[in-house]
Amino acid sequence: MNHSATGIHCILELYGCPFDLLNDEDFLRQAVRQAAGVADSALLQLTSHSFTPQGVTALGLLAESHISIHTWPECGYAAADVFTCGRRCKPEDACNFLVAELQAERHKLSVLSRGQDLPGAKSMQIEAFRQGKGRCSTSIQNPPFG
């Protein structure tokens, strides 16, 4: 992974997940909450919505970016992404947690470096993030949902 990137964006496809887990809004909210902790990120807000006849979207707003899960229980499928900026967070660990928590029979994880081609002051911005001075490296002592 390119550590000169401003962020890491993990795109996770989960297959063969149990219908009941994918259709349980409370369970998915808790999964987002726990994934944020595993990623060592600060959860600022958590929202979700259950669809009719089935399906749930859960979204965690992080100080470092976001975690989302969108489910299609009738297909045993969930699409998730974990995007964090700065170097402190561990988005791939959060994805591994989600694979286990949603009991996926198989999964596909794509990891993207974001912000690699920033012009000009790129190295200064990156160094600010590394030192915790960039807005994506914000440290929240007691986040309301953490």
Protein backbone atom coordinates (compact mmCIF):
# COMPACT_ATOMS: atom_id res chain seq x y z
CA MET A 1 0.00 0.00 0.00
CA ASN A 2 1.27 3.47 -0.87
CA HIS A 3 1.81 5.34 2.39
CA SER A 4 1.99 8.69 0.59
CA ALA A 5 -1.78 8.48 0.03
CA THR A 6 -4.09 10.65 2.12
CA GLY A 7 -6.39 7.72 2.78
CA ILE A 8 -7.17 4.06 2.29
CA HIS A 9 -10.53 3.03 0.85
CA CYS A 10 -11.51 -0.62 1.25
CA ILE A 11 -14.32 -1.94 -0.93
CA LEU A 12 -15.69 -5.19 0.49
CA GLU A 13 -18.06 -7.64 -1.20
CA LEU A 14 -19.58 -10.27 1.11
CA TYR A 15 -21.28 -13.38 -0.30
CA GLY A 16 -23.19 -16.21 1.34
CA CYS A 17 -24.20 -14.28 4.45
CA PRO A 18 -27.21 -15.45 6.50
CA PHE A 19 -30.49 -13.73 5.60
CA ASP A 20 -31.33 -13.01 9.24
CA LEU A 21 -28.08 -11.15 9.89
CA LEU A 22 -28.37 -9.07 6.71
CA ASN A 23 -31.93 -8.07 7.53
CA ASP A 24 -31.28 -7.14 11.19
CA GLU A 25 -30.87 -3.37 11.47
CA ASP A 26 -29.75 -3.45 15.12
CA PHE A 27 -27.16 -6.13 14.39
CA LEU A 28 -25.75 -4.13 11.46
CA ARG A 29 -25.61 -0.93 13.51
CA GLN A 30 -23.62 -2.81 16.14
CA ALA A 31 -21.37 -4.27 13.42
CA VAL A 32 -20.56 -0.76 12.15
CA ARG A 33 -19.92 0.44 15.72
CA GLN A 34 -17.57 -2.47 16.41
CA ALA A 35 -15.82 -2.18 13.03
CA ALA A 36 -15.05 1.46 13.81
CA GLY A 37 -13.40 0.36 17.04
CA VAL A 38 -11.43 -2.38 15.30
CA ALA A 39 -10.23 0.21 12.75
CA ASP A 40 -9.07 2.45 15.62
CA SER A 41 -11.29 5.22 14.30
CA ALA A 42 -13.66 7.64 16.03
CA LEU A 43 -17.36 7.07 15.35
CA LEU A 44 -19.13 10.44 15.30
CA GLN A 45 -22.61 9.45 14.12
CA LEU A 46 -24.44 6.28 13.22
CA THR A 47 -27.53 6.08 11.04
CA SER A 48 -29.42 3.27 9.39
CA HIS A 49 -32.55 2.38 7.48
CA SER A 50 -34.49 -0.86 6.96
CA PHE A 51 -36.12 -1.35 3.57
CA THR A 52 -39.31 -3.21 2.65
CA PRO A 53 -39.56 -6.09 2.03
CA GLN A 54 -35.93 -6.59 3.15
CA GLY A 55 -32.51 -4.99 3.22
CA VAL A 56 -30.68 -2.54 5.43
CA THR A 57 -28.24 0.31 4.97
CA ALA A 58 -26.08 1.30 7.93
CA LEU A 59 -23.65 4.21 7.82
CA GLY A 60 -21.08 5.29 10.37
CA LEU A 61 -19.63 8.78 10.04
CA LEU A 62 -16.06 8.68 11.30
CA ALA A 63 -13.75 11.52 12.24
CA GLU A 64 -11.51 9.89 9.63
CA SER A 65 -14.26 9.36 6.96
CA HIS A 66 -16.92 6.57 6.94
CA ILE A 67 -18.01 2.93 7.13
CA SER A 68 -21.07 1.75 5.24
CA ILE A 69 -22.92 -1.54 4.81
CA HIS A 70 -25.70 -2.11 2.25
CA THR A 71 -27.46 -5.49 2.29
CA TRP A 72 -29.49 -7.66 -0.05
CA PRO A 73 -30.61 -10.47 2.30
CA GLU A 74 -32.53 -12.28 -0.43
CA CYS A 75 -29.19 -12.76 -2.24
CA GLY A 76 -27.06 -13.36 0.86
CA TYR A 77 -25.00 -10.34 -0.28
CA ALA A 78 -23.64 -7.24 1.43
CA ALA A 79 -21.58 -4.40 0.01
CA ALA A 80 -19.43 -2.55 2.52
CA ASP A 81 -16.80 0.10 2.38
CA VAL A 82 -14.40 1.48 4.94
CA PHE A 83 -12.63 4.71 4.08
CA THR A 84 -10.16 6.25 6.51
CA CYS A 85 -7.61 8.96 6.03
CA GLY A 86 -4.37 9.44 7.88
CA ARG A 87 -2.03 6.62 8.88
CA ARG A 88 -3.33 5.68 12.33
CA CYS A 89 -6.48 3.79 11.30
CA LYS A 90 -6.68 0.18 10.17
CA PRO A 91 -9.50 -0.11 7.62
CA GLU A 92 -8.43 -3.57 6.46
CA ASP A 93 -8.80 -4.85 10.05
CA ALA A 94 -12.35 -3.47 10.09
CA CYS A 95 -13.07 -5.36 6.85
CA ASN A 96 -11.73 -8.61 8.27
CA PHE A 97 -13.99 -8.08 11.28
CA LEU A 98 -17.02 -7.56 9.01
CA VAL A 99 -16.27 -10.74 7.04
CA ALA A 100 -16.36 -12.74 10.28
CA GLU A 101 -19.25 -10.87 11.89
CA LEU A 102 -21.53 -11.20 8.84
CA GLN A 103 -20.49 -14.87 8.51
CA ALA A 104 -19.61 -14.52 4.83
CA GLU A 105 -18.91 -17.78 3.01
CA ARG A 106 -16.64 -15.82 0.68
CA HIS A 107 -15.60 -12.26 0.12
CA LYS A 108 -13.66 -9.96 -2.16
CA LEU A 109 -11.64 -7.04 -0.78
CA SER A 110 -10.28 -4.25 -2.97
CA VAL A 111 -7.97 -1.72 -1.33
CA LEU A 112 -7.45 1.67 -2.94
CA SER A 113 -5.00 4.43 -2.06
CA ARG A 114 -6.83 7.76 -2.20
CA GLY A 115 -5.29 11.15 -2.90
CA GLN A 116 -2.07 9.87 -4.46
CA ASP A 117 -1.99 12.54 -7.15
CA LEU A 118 -2.53 15.65 -5.08
CA PRO A 119 -0.71 18.57 -6.70
CA GLY A 120 1.86 20.85 -5.13
CA ALA A 121 1.91 20.69 -1.35
CA LYS A 122 1.24 16.95 -1.23
CA SER A 123 4.25 16.10 0.91
CA MET A 124 3.40 18.84 3.42
CA GLN A 125 -0.22 17.62 3.64
CA ILE A 126 0.88 14.05 4.14
CA GLU A 127 3.35 15.01 6.85
CA ALA A 128 0.61 17.01 8.64
CA PHE A 129 -1.60 13.89 8.63
CA ARG A 130 1.26 11.77 9.95
CA GLN A 131 1.79 14.19 12.81
CA GLY A 132 -1.92 14.30 13.63
CA LYS A 133 -2.32 17.90 12.47
CA GLY A 134 -4.49 17.17 9.43
CA ARG A 135 -8.27 17.16 9.72
CA CYS A 136 -8.40 13.47 8.81
CA SER A 137 -6.24 12.56 11.79
CA THR A 138 -8.55 14.19 14.30
CA SER A 139 -8.43 12.57 17.70
CA ILE A 140 -11.77 12.44 19.50
CA GLN A 141 -11.45 11.61 23.21
CA ASN A 142 -15.04 10.56 23.89
CA PRO A 143 -17.01 10.19 20.67
CA PRO A 144 -20.77 10.05 21.27
CA PHE A 145 -21.18 6.61 19.65
CA GLY A 146 -17.76 5.03 20.32
